[in-house]
Amino acid sequence: MGDKRSPTRPKRQAKPSFDDGYWDCSVCTFKNSAEAFKCMMCDVRKGTSTRKLA
């Protein structure tokens, strides 16, 4: 009974930045192909943060 691991609890996995070959624009939320370096709708670069700096 010294084993504290739970066999029923799945490991948490970080959500990938894109799934199924697509990535969502952080500005307009358009679903772009994985090959696109910038959004096809608003020309924002892939991975651009919308967080405002103080």
PDB file of N, CA and C in Angstrom:
ATOM      1  N   MET A   1       0.810  -1.206   0.000  1.00  0.00           N
ATOM      2  CA  MET A   1       0.000   0.000   0.000  1.00  0.00           C
ATOM      3  C   MET A   1       0.847   1.261   0.000  1.00  0.00           C
ATOM      4  N   GLY A   2       2.131   1.138  -0.205  1.00  0.00           N
ATOM      5  CA  GLY A   2       3.004   2.304  -0.220  1.00  0.00           C
ATOM      6  C   GLY A   2       2.997   3.035  -1.561  1.00  0.00           C
ATOM      7  N   ASP A   3       2.370   2.447  -2.585  1.00  0.00           N
ATOM      8  CA  ASP A   3       2.342   3.064  -3.911  1.00  0.00           C
ATOM      9  C   ASP A   3       1.257   4.134  -3.973  1.00  0.00           C
ATOM     10  N   LYS A   4       1.663   5.396  -4.182  1.00  0.00           N
ATOM     11  CA  LYS A   4       0.702   6.495  -4.188  1.00  0.00           C
ATOM     12  C   LYS A   4       0.276   6.906  -5.591  1.00  0.00           C
ATOM     13  N   ARG A   5       0.784   6.221  -6.582  1.00  0.00           N
ATOM     14  CA  ARG A   5       0.381   6.534  -7.956  1.00  0.00           C
ATOM     15  C   ARG A   5      -1.025   6.017  -8.222  1.00  0.00           C
ATOM     16  N   SER A   6      -1.792   6.780  -8.956  1.00  0.00           N
ATOM     17  CA  SER A   6      -3.148   6.372  -9.292  1.00  0.00           C
ATOM     18  C   SER A   6      -3.174   5.850 -10.728  1.00  0.00           C
ATOM     19  N   PRO A   7      -3.485   4.589 -10.922  1.00  0.00           N
ATOM     20  CA  PRO A   7      -3.474   4.036 -12.281  1.00  0.00           C
ATOM     21  C   PRO A   7      -4.625   4.550 -13.155  1.00  0.00           C
ATOM     22  N   THR A   8      -5.663   5.103 -12.545  1.00  0.00           N
ATOM     23  CA  THR A   8      -6.807   5.575 -13.318  1.00  0.00           C
ATOM     24  C   THR A   8      -6.672   7.025 -13.755  1.00  0.00           C
ATOM     25  N   ARG A   9      -5.697   7.735 -13.242  1.00  0.00           N
ATOM     26  CA  ARG A   9      -5.530   9.147 -13.568  1.00  0.00           C
ATOM     27  C   ARG A   9      -4.597   9.301 -14.767  1.00  0.00           C
ATOM     28  N   PRO A  10      -5.101   9.819 -15.888  1.00  0.00           N
ATOM     29  CA  PRO A  10      -4.233   9.992 -17.065  1.00  0.00           C
ATOM     30  C   PRO A  10      -3.250  11.144 -16.861  1.00  0.00           C
ATOM     31  N   LYS A  11      -2.112  11.051 -17.524  1.00  0.00           N
ATOM     32  CA  LYS A  11      -1.120  12.119 -17.450  1.00  0.00           C
ATOM     33  C   LYS A  11      -1.618  13.332 -18.213  1.00  0.00           C
ATOM     34  N   ARG A  12      -1.340  14.496 -17.683  1.00  0.00           N
ATOM     35  CA  ARG A  12      -1.704  15.723 -18.389  1.00  0.00           C
ATOM     36  C   ARG A  12      -0.729  15.965 -19.521  1.00  0.00           C
ATOM     37  N   GLN A  13      -1.278  16.348 -20.651  1.00  0.00           N
ATOM     38  CA  GLN A  13      -0.432  16.649 -21.797  1.00  0.00           C
ATOM     39  C   GLN A  13      -0.701  18.075 -22.222  1.00  0.00           C
ATOM     40  N   ALA A  14       0.343  18.800 -22.522  1.00  0.00           N
ATOM     41  CA  ALA A  14       0.181  20.168 -22.980  1.00  0.00           C
ATOM     42  C   ALA A  14      -0.512  20.164 -24.332  1.00  0.00           C
ATOM     43  N   LYS A  15      -1.436  21.083 -24.508  1.00  0.00           N
ATOM     44  CA  LYS A  15      -2.149  21.174 -25.777  1.00  0.00           C
ATOM     45  C   LYS A  15      -1.198  21.730 -26.829  1.00  0.00           C
ATOM     46  N   PRO A  16      -1.086  21.074 -27.961  1.00  0.00           N
ATOM     47  CA  PRO A  16      -0.190  21.585 -28.999  1.00  0.00           C
ATOM     48  C   PRO A  16      -0.669  22.914 -29.544  1.00  0.00           C
ATOM     49  N   SER A  17       0.248  23.717 -30.079  1.00  0.00           N
ATOM     50  CA  SER A  17      -0.119  25.025 -30.604  1.00  0.00           C
ATOM     51  C   SER A  17      -1.001  24.903 -31.842  1.00  0.00           C
ATOM     52  N   PHE A  18      -0.924  23.792 -32.508  1.00  0.00           N
ATOM     53  CA  PHE A  18      -1.832  23.539 -33.620  1.00  0.00           C
ATOM     54  C   PHE A  18      -2.168  22.057 -33.629  1.00  0.00           C
ATOM     55  N   ASP A  19      -3.336  21.739 -34.114  1.00  0.00           N
ATOM     56  CA  ASP A  19      -3.737  20.338 -34.200  1.00  0.00           C
ATOM     57  C   ASP A  19      -4.302  20.049 -35.581  1.00  0.00           C
ATOM     58  N   ASP A  20      -4.124  18.832 -36.028  1.00  0.00           N
ATOM     59  CA  ASP A  20      -4.611  18.389 -37.340  1.00  0.00           C
ATOM     60  C   ASP A  20      -4.075  19.237 -38.486  1.00  0.00           C
ATOM     61  N   GLY A  21      -2.886  19.813 -38.323  1.00  0.00           N
ATOM     62  CA  GLY A  21      -2.288  20.573 -39.409  1.00  0.00           C
ATOM     63  C   GLY A  21      -2.789  21.995 -39.528  1.00  0.00           C
ATOM     64  N   TYR A  22      -3.421  22.522 -38.501  1.00  0.00           N
ATOM     65  CA  TYR A  22      -3.935  23.884 -38.536  1.00  0.00           C
ATOM     66  C   TYR A  22      -3.551  24.632 -37.267  1.00  0.00           C
ATOM     67  N   TRP A  23      -3.587  25.953 -37.321  1.00  0.00           N
ATOM     68  CA  TRP A  23      -3.408  26.778 -36.116  1.00  0.00           C
ATOM     69  C   TRP A  23      -4.392  27.936 -36.178  1.00  0.00           C
ATOM     70  N   ASP A  24      -4.910  28.312 -35.004  1.00  0.00           N
ATOM     71  CA  ASP A  24      -5.890  29.378 -34.914  1.00  0.00           C
ATOM     72  C   ASP A  24      -5.190  30.712 -34.668  1.00  0.00           C
ATOM     73  N   CYS A  25      -5.539  31.706 -35.445  1.00  0.00           N
ATOM     74  CA  CYS A  25      -4.983  33.047 -35.267  1.00  0.00           C
ATOM     75  C   CYS A  25      -5.420  33.588 -33.910  1.00  0.00           C
ATOM     76  N   SER A  26      -4.481  34.167 -33.171  1.00  0.00           N
ATOM     77  CA  SER A  26      -4.804  34.694 -31.846  1.00  0.00           C
ATOM     78  C   SER A  26      -5.538  36.029 -31.917  1.00  0.00           C
ATOM     79  N   VAL A  27      -5.590  36.639 -33.095  1.00  0.00           N
ATOM     80  CA  VAL A  27      -6.265  37.925 -33.244  1.00  0.00           C
ATOM     81  C   VAL A  27      -7.672  37.755 -33.814  1.00  0.00           C
ATOM     82  N   CYS A  28      -7.781  37.107 -34.971  1.00  0.00           N
ATOM     83  CA  CYS A  28      -9.094  36.985 -35.614  1.00  0.00           C
ATOM     84  C   CYS A  28      -9.692  35.583 -35.509  1.00  0.00           C
ATOM     85  N   THR A  29      -8.940  34.641 -34.950  1.00  0.00           N
ATOM     86  CA  THR A  29      -9.346  33.242 -34.736  1.00  0.00           C
ATOM     87  C   THR A  29      -9.553  32.436 -36.020  1.00  0.00           C
ATOM     88  N   PHE A  30      -9.082  32.941 -37.154  1.00  0.00           N
ATOM     89  CA  PHE A  30      -9.167  32.187 -38.400  1.00  0.00           C
ATOM     90  C   PHE A  30      -8.293  30.945 -38.301  1.00  0.00           C
ATOM     91  N   LYS A  31      -8.761  29.830 -38.846  1.00  0.00           N
ATOM     92  CA  LYS A  31      -7.999  28.576 -38.821  1.00  0.00           C
ATOM     93  C   LYS A  31      -7.105  28.516 -40.046  1.00  0.00           C
ATOM     94  N   ASN A  32      -5.807  28.653 -39.822  1.00  0.00           N
ATOM     95  CA  ASN A  32      -4.818  28.673 -40.896  1.00  0.00           C
ATOM     96  C   ASN A  32      -4.145  27.321 -41.051  1.00  0.00           C
ATOM     97  N   SER A  33      -3.607  27.055 -42.226  1.00  0.00           N
ATOM     98  CA  SER A  33      -2.868  25.811 -42.433  1.00  0.00           C
ATOM     99  C   SER A  33      -1.554  25.876 -41.654  1.00  0.00           C
ATOM    100  N   ALA A  34      -1.035  24.720 -41.283  1.00  0.00           N
ATOM    101  CA  ALA A  34       0.190  24.653 -40.481  1.00  0.00           C
ATOM    102  C   ALA A  34       1.377  25.280 -41.200  1.00  0.00           C
ATOM    103  N   GLU A  35       1.369  25.276 -42.527  1.00  0.00           N
ATOM    104  CA  GLU A  35       2.477  25.824 -43.295  1.00  0.00           C
ATOM    105  C   GLU A  35       2.491  27.350 -43.311  1.00  0.00           C
ATOM    106  N   ALA A  36       1.354  27.975 -43.006  1.00  0.00           N
ATOM    107  CA  ALA A  36       1.259  29.436 -43.069  1.00  0.00           C
ATOM    108  C   ALA A  36       2.055  30.068 -41.932  1.00  0.00           C
ATOM    109  N   PHE A  37       2.891  31.052 -42.271  1.00  0.00           N
ATOM    110  CA  PHE A  37       3.669  31.764 -41.264  1.00  0.00           C
ATOM    111  C   PHE A  37       2.921  32.965 -40.719  1.00  0.00           C
ATOM    112  N   LYS A  38       1.893  33.387 -41.444  1.00  0.00           N
ATOM    113  CA  LYS A  38       1.045  34.471 -40.968  1.00  0.00           C
ATOM    114  C   LYS A  38      -0.394  34.168 -41.341  1.00  0.00           C
ATOM    115  N   CYS A  39      -1.315  34.830 -40.654  1.00  0.00           N
ATOM    116  CA  CYS A  39      -2.735  34.585 -40.862  1.00  0.00           C
ATOM    117  C   CYS A  39      -3.156  35.003 -42.262  1.00  0.00           C
ATOM    118  N   MET A  40      -3.938  34.155 -42.904  1.00  0.00           N
ATOM    119  CA  MET A  40      -4.407  34.434 -44.254  1.00  0.00           C
ATOM    120  C   MET A  40      -5.447  35.546 -44.282  1.00  0.00           C
ATOM    121  N   MET A  41      -6.077  35.827 -43.148  1.00  0.00           N
ATOM    122  CA  MET A  41      -7.119  36.849 -43.090  1.00  0.00           C
ATOM    123  C   MET A  41      -6.578  38.211 -42.652  1.00  0.00           C
ATOM    124  N   CYS A  42      -5.809  38.233 -41.565  1.00  0.00           N
ATOM    125  CA  CYS A  42      -5.404  39.531 -41.010  1.00  0.00           C
ATOM    126  C   CYS A  42      -3.899  39.789 -41.054  1.00  0.00           C
ATOM    127  N   ASP A  43      -3.116  38.882 -41.646  1.00  0.00           N
ATOM    128  CA  ASP A  43      -1.665  39.032 -41.819  1.00  0.00           C
ATOM    129  C   ASP A  43      -0.861  39.098 -40.523  1.00  0.00           C
ATOM    130  N   VAL A  44      -1.437  38.666 -39.404  1.00  0.00           N
ATOM    131  CA  VAL A  44      -0.698  38.629 -38.145  1.00  0.00           C
ATOM    132  C   VAL A  44       0.191  37.396 -38.163  1.00  0.00           C
ATOM    133  N   ARG A  45       1.432  37.546 -37.699  1.00  0.00           N
ATOM    134  CA  ARG A  45       2.369  36.433 -37.689  1.00  0.00           C
ATOM    135  C   ARG A  45       1.922  35.324 -36.742  1.00  0.00           C
ATOM    136  N   LYS A  46       2.223  34.101 -37.107  1.00  0.00           N
ATOM    137  CA  LYS A  46       1.902  32.940 -36.286  1.00  0.00           C
ATOM    138  C   LYS A  46       2.586  33.074 -34.920  1.00  0.00           C
ATOM    139  N   GLY A  47       1.840  32.844 -33.857  1.00  0.00           N
ATOM    140  CA  GLY A  47       2.409  32.914 -32.523  1.00  0.00           C
ATOM    141  C   GLY A  47       2.400  34.302 -31.912  1.00  0.00           C
ATOM    142  N   THR A  48       1.815  35.286 -32.585  1.00  0.00           N
ATOM    143  CA  THR A  48       1.758  36.622 -32.029  1.00  0.00           C
ATOM    144  C   THR A  48       0.812  36.649 -30.848  1.00  0.00           C
ATOM    145  N   SER A  49       1.274  37.259 -29.761  1.00  0.00           N
ATOM    146  CA  SER A  49       0.469  37.337 -28.557  1.00  0.00           C
ATOM    147  C   SER A  49      -0.455  38.557 -28.616  1.00  0.00           C
ATOM    148  N   THR A  50      -1.656  38.410 -28.072  1.00  0.00           N
ATOM    149  CA  THR A  50      -2.580  39.526 -28.014  1.00  0.00           C
ATOM    150  C   THR A  50      -2.548  40.185 -26.638  1.00  0.00           C
ATOM    151  N   ARG A  51      -1.652  39.712 -25.789  1.00  0.00           N
ATOM    152  CA  ARG A  51      -1.530  40.265 -24.438  1.00  0.00           C
ATOM    153  C   ARG A  51      -0.992  41.681 -24.502  1.00  0.00           C
ATOM    154  N   LYS A  52      -1.636  42.574 -23.791  1.00  0.00           N
ATOM    155  CA  LYS A  52      -1.215  43.975 -23.785  1.00  0.00           C
ATOM    156  C   LYS A  52      -0.107  44.160 -22.751  1.00  0.00           C
ATOM    157  N   LEU A  53       0.922  44.883 -23.130  1.00  0.00           N
ATOM    158  CA  LEU A  53       2.022  45.175 -22.219  1.00  0.00           C
ATOM    159  C   LEU A  53       1.702  46.412 -21.408  1.00  0.00           C
ATOM    160  N   ALA A  54       2.051  46.391 -20.139  1.00  0.00           N
ATOM    161  CA  ALA A  54       1.749  47.538 -19.268  1.00  0.00           C
ATOM    162  C   ALA A  54       2.793  48.631 -19.424  1.00  0.00           C
TER     163      ALA A  54
END
